[in-house]
Structure formats: structure tokens, C-alpha cells
């Protein structure tokens, strides 16, 4: 039987390669070709031995998110930079700035984050407005007592 750990690494390399190719094609405005490359990678990963591995599911999530970016109406100047960061993260197996991004996180590169990087990311996420203080935020200063305004008498 195939080794799931080897399958996981193959999926990582497959995703990195597909993301790199999609970045190139997106730069040429060949969005349907880029989507095809991404779809084929997703199909291979979802039918692999390690398809149920959480990391592999995150890889598929990243490929799907990139597939959604590969549209004329969505693709913008920041897309190639995001993709380059994700590709770099997977080829080097290191956390990149996408690990910390709240607006557009790379799901799978979070696997490379250290515990302290993860803690910083969690602390940066805005908390719901329930009246509870946001973790890591300072409390507002206490209100100043009201002092009547003095008028200067000659």
C-alpha cells in the first residue's frame, strides 16, 4: 500500500507546481488555462491516499481559493504576490507572510507556522463585539471626573 506520508509530500509538491503554473498563466491573462491546471491538481489530491489528511484538505482549499482568483473580474495586482508567497511557502516548507494574513490566509502554509507565530496570528484576529475585551488589547483609560468649566471673573 502507498505510504500516506509520501503521498502528502507529493501532494505538497503538486500543489506548489500547480500554483506556480497558475500564477504564470494568470499573469498572461489565460485564466481558463490556469483554472484547468488548478482543477487537475485538486482532482489528483482528492483521489490520493492522503486525501483525508488535514494538510491535504488545506492544500485543496488553497487551490480552490486560487481557482476563484483566476477570473478577469477578480484577478488584481496583488494576486501574483499572494501566489508567489504560497508557492515559496510550499517549496521551502516554511511559513511566509500568508501565514499571518487575516484577509487572505493561505490555509496550508499555516502548517509551517511555529507556535509563537500562530499565537501572534490568533491575537491579531478581531474578536466579536460582546463587551469582552479583545485579547492583547489595552483597556481604555477610566473616564475623567466631570469638572465644571470655570469662567474667569475680573
Protein backbone atom coordinates (compact mmCIF):
# COMPACT_ATOMS: atom_id res chain seq x y z
CA UNK A 1 0.00 0.00 0.00
CA UNK A 2 1.27 3.53 -0.77
CA UNK A 3 2.70 5.45 2.17
CA UNK A 4 0.40 8.33 3.24
CA UNK A 5 3.37 10.45 4.35
CA UNK A 6 4.96 10.18 0.92
CA UNK A 7 1.58 10.91 -0.69
CA UNK A 8 1.26 14.03 1.48
CA UNK A 9 4.65 15.32 0.28
CA UNK A 10 3.79 14.54 -3.34
CA UNK A 11 0.57 16.49 -2.91
CA UNK A 12 2.53 19.43 -1.45
CA UNK A 13 4.83 19.47 -4.48
CA UNK A 14 1.90 19.01 -6.88
CA UNK A 15 0.06 21.94 -5.31
CA UNK A 16 3.17 24.15 -5.39
CA UNK A 17 3.75 23.31 -9.05
CA UNK A 18 0.10 23.96 -9.97
CA UNK A 19 0.08 27.26 -8.08
CA UNK A 20 3.29 28.36 -9.81
CA UNK A 21 1.87 27.46 -13.24
CA UNK A 22 -1.43 29.20 -12.43
CA UNK A 23 0.50 32.31 -11.38
CA UNK A 24 2.32 32.31 -14.74
CA UNK A 25 -0.88 31.77 -16.73
CA UNK A 26 -2.76 34.38 -14.70
CA UNK A 27 -0.01 36.89 -15.48
CA UNK A 28 -0.72 36.22 -19.16
CA UNK A 29 -4.48 36.60 -18.54
CA UNK A 30 -5.03 32.95 -19.51
CA UNK A 31 -7.48 32.43 -16.68
CA UNK A 32 -9.30 29.38 -18.06
CA UNK A 33 -5.96 27.60 -18.59
CA UNK A 34 -4.92 28.48 -15.05
CA UNK A 35 -8.22 27.16 -13.69
CA UNK A 36 -7.74 23.92 -15.63
CA UNK A 37 -4.26 23.39 -14.10
CA UNK A 38 -5.67 24.03 -10.62
CA UNK A 39 -8.69 21.76 -11.16
CA UNK A 40 -6.46 18.89 -12.31
CA UNK A 41 -4.26 19.29 -9.21
CA UNK A 42 -7.33 19.31 -6.95
CA UNK A 43 -8.60 16.12 -8.58
CA UNK A 44 -5.26 14.36 -8.08
CA UNK A 45 -5.02 15.40 -4.44
CA UNK A 46 -8.63 14.48 -3.61
CA UNK A 47 -8.12 11.00 -5.07
CA UNK A 48 -4.74 10.39 -3.42
CA UNK A 49 -4.03 8.06 -0.49
CA UNK A 50 -3.65 11.07 1.80
CA UNK A 51 -6.79 12.87 0.60
CA UNK A 52 -8.31 12.89 4.11
CA UNK A 53 -5.16 14.32 5.71
CA UNK A 54 -5.96 17.81 7.14
CA UNK A 55 -2.91 19.31 5.41
CA UNK A 56 -4.00 17.87 2.05
CA UNK A 57 -7.51 19.21 2.58
CA UNK A 58 -5.95 22.62 3.24
CA UNK A 59 -3.94 22.29 0.01
CA UNK A 60 -7.18 21.69 -1.87
CA UNK A 61 -8.68 24.72 -0.11
CA UNK A 62 -5.76 26.87 -1.28
CA UNK A 63 -6.06 25.55 -4.83
CA UNK A 64 -9.80 26.28 -4.80
CA UNK A 65 -9.23 29.81 -3.46
CA UNK A 66 -6.66 30.38 -6.21
CA UNK A 67 -9.08 28.94 -8.79
CA UNK A 68 -11.59 31.60 -7.66
CA UNK A 69 -8.93 34.33 -8.07
CA UNK A 70 -8.27 33.26 -11.66
CA UNK A 71 -11.06 35.30 -13.17
CA UNK A 72 -10.84 38.55 -15.10
CA UNK A 73 -13.15 40.30 -12.64
CA UNK A 74 -11.29 39.12 -9.51
CA UNK A 75 -7.62 38.96 -10.53
CA UNK A 76 -5.76 42.09 -9.45
CA UNK A 77 -2.21 43.34 -8.93
CA UNK A 78 -1.88 41.62 -5.52
CA UNK A 79 -2.80 38.13 -6.81
CA UNK A 80 0.66 37.23 -8.23
CA UNK A 81 2.33 38.31 -4.98
CA UNK A 82 -0.04 36.20 -2.90
CA UNK A 83 0.58 33.19 -5.15
CA UNK A 84 4.35 33.66 -5.07
CA UNK A 85 4.25 33.66 -1.29
CA UNK A 86 2.18 30.46 -1.21
CA UNK A 87 4.48 28.72 -3.72
CA UNK A 88 7.55 29.79 -1.74
CA UNK A 89 5.97 28.50 1.47
CA UNK A 90 5.41 25.04 0.00
CA UNK A 91 8.69 24.69 -1.84
CA UNK A 92 10.70 25.72 1.23
CA UNK A 93 8.28 24.22 3.77
CA UNK A 94 8.43 27.47 5.74
CA UNK A 95 5.85 29.94 6.93
CA UNK A 96 5.60 33.12 4.88
CA UNK A 97 3.58 36.28 5.29
CA UNK A 98 0.48 34.38 4.13
CA UNK A 99 0.59 32.57 7.46
CA UNK A 100 -0.28 35.85 9.15
CA UNK A 101 -2.73 37.26 6.65
CA UNK A 102 -6.21 37.64 8.06
CA UNK A 103 -7.78 38.95 4.86
CA UNK A 104 -6.43 36.21 2.59
CA UNK A 105 -4.84 33.45 4.61
CA UNK A 106 -3.14 30.50 2.99
CA UNK A 107 -4.69 27.58 4.81
CA UNK A 108 -1.96 25.05 4.19
CA UNK A 109 1.05 27.26 4.92
CA UNK A 110 -0.23 27.62 8.47
CA UNK A 111 1.12 24.09 8.98
CA UNK A 112 4.60 25.60 8.81
CA UNK A 113 3.93 28.27 11.45
CA UNK A 114 5.65 27.96 14.80
CA UNK A 115 3.52 28.03 17.96
CA UNK A 116 4.56 31.65 18.63
CA UNK A 117 3.64 32.68 15.06
CA UNK A 118 0.25 31.02 15.47
CA UNK A 119 -0.28 32.79 18.81
CA UNK A 120 0.51 36.16 17.21
CA UNK A 121 -1.91 35.45 14.39
CA UNK A 122 -4.69 34.47 16.78
CA UNK A 123 -4.07 37.60 18.88
CA UNK A 124 -4.38 39.75 15.75
CA UNK A 125 -7.80 38.42 14.77
CA UNK A 126 -10.54 40.86 15.82
CA UNK A 127 -12.81 39.43 18.48
CA UNK A 128 -16.62 39.66 18.29
CA UNK A 129 -18.16 42.70 19.94
CA UNK A 130 -19.62 41.01 23.02
CA UNK A 131 -18.39 43.52 25.54
CA UNK A 132 -15.47 41.25 26.35
CA UNK A 133 -12.05 42.83 25.87
CA UNK A 134 -10.03 41.82 22.84
CA UNK A 135 -7.15 39.59 23.81
CA UNK A 136 -3.92 41.54 23.94
CA UNK A 137 -5.65 44.92 23.75
CA UNK A 138 -5.20 47.50 26.45
CA UNK A 139 -8.23 48.62 28.40
CA UNK A 140 -9.37 52.16 27.74
CA UNK A 141 -8.44 54.66 30.45
CA UNK A 142 -11.07 55.31 33.11
CA UNK A 143 -13.29 58.32 32.43
CA UNK A 144 -12.14 61.62 33.90
CA UNK A 145 -14.38 63.19 36.52
CA UNK A 146 -16.50 65.99 35.16
CA UNK A 147 -15.19 69.43 36.16
CA UNK A 148 -17.42 72.42 35.67
CA UNK A 149 -15.98 74.91 33.27
CA UNK A 150 -14.67 77.92 35.15
CA UNK A 151 -15.19 81.35 33.83
CA UNK A 152 -12.63 83.96 34.68
CA UNK A 153 -14.17 86.75 36.74
CA UNK A 154 -12.39 90.16 36.53
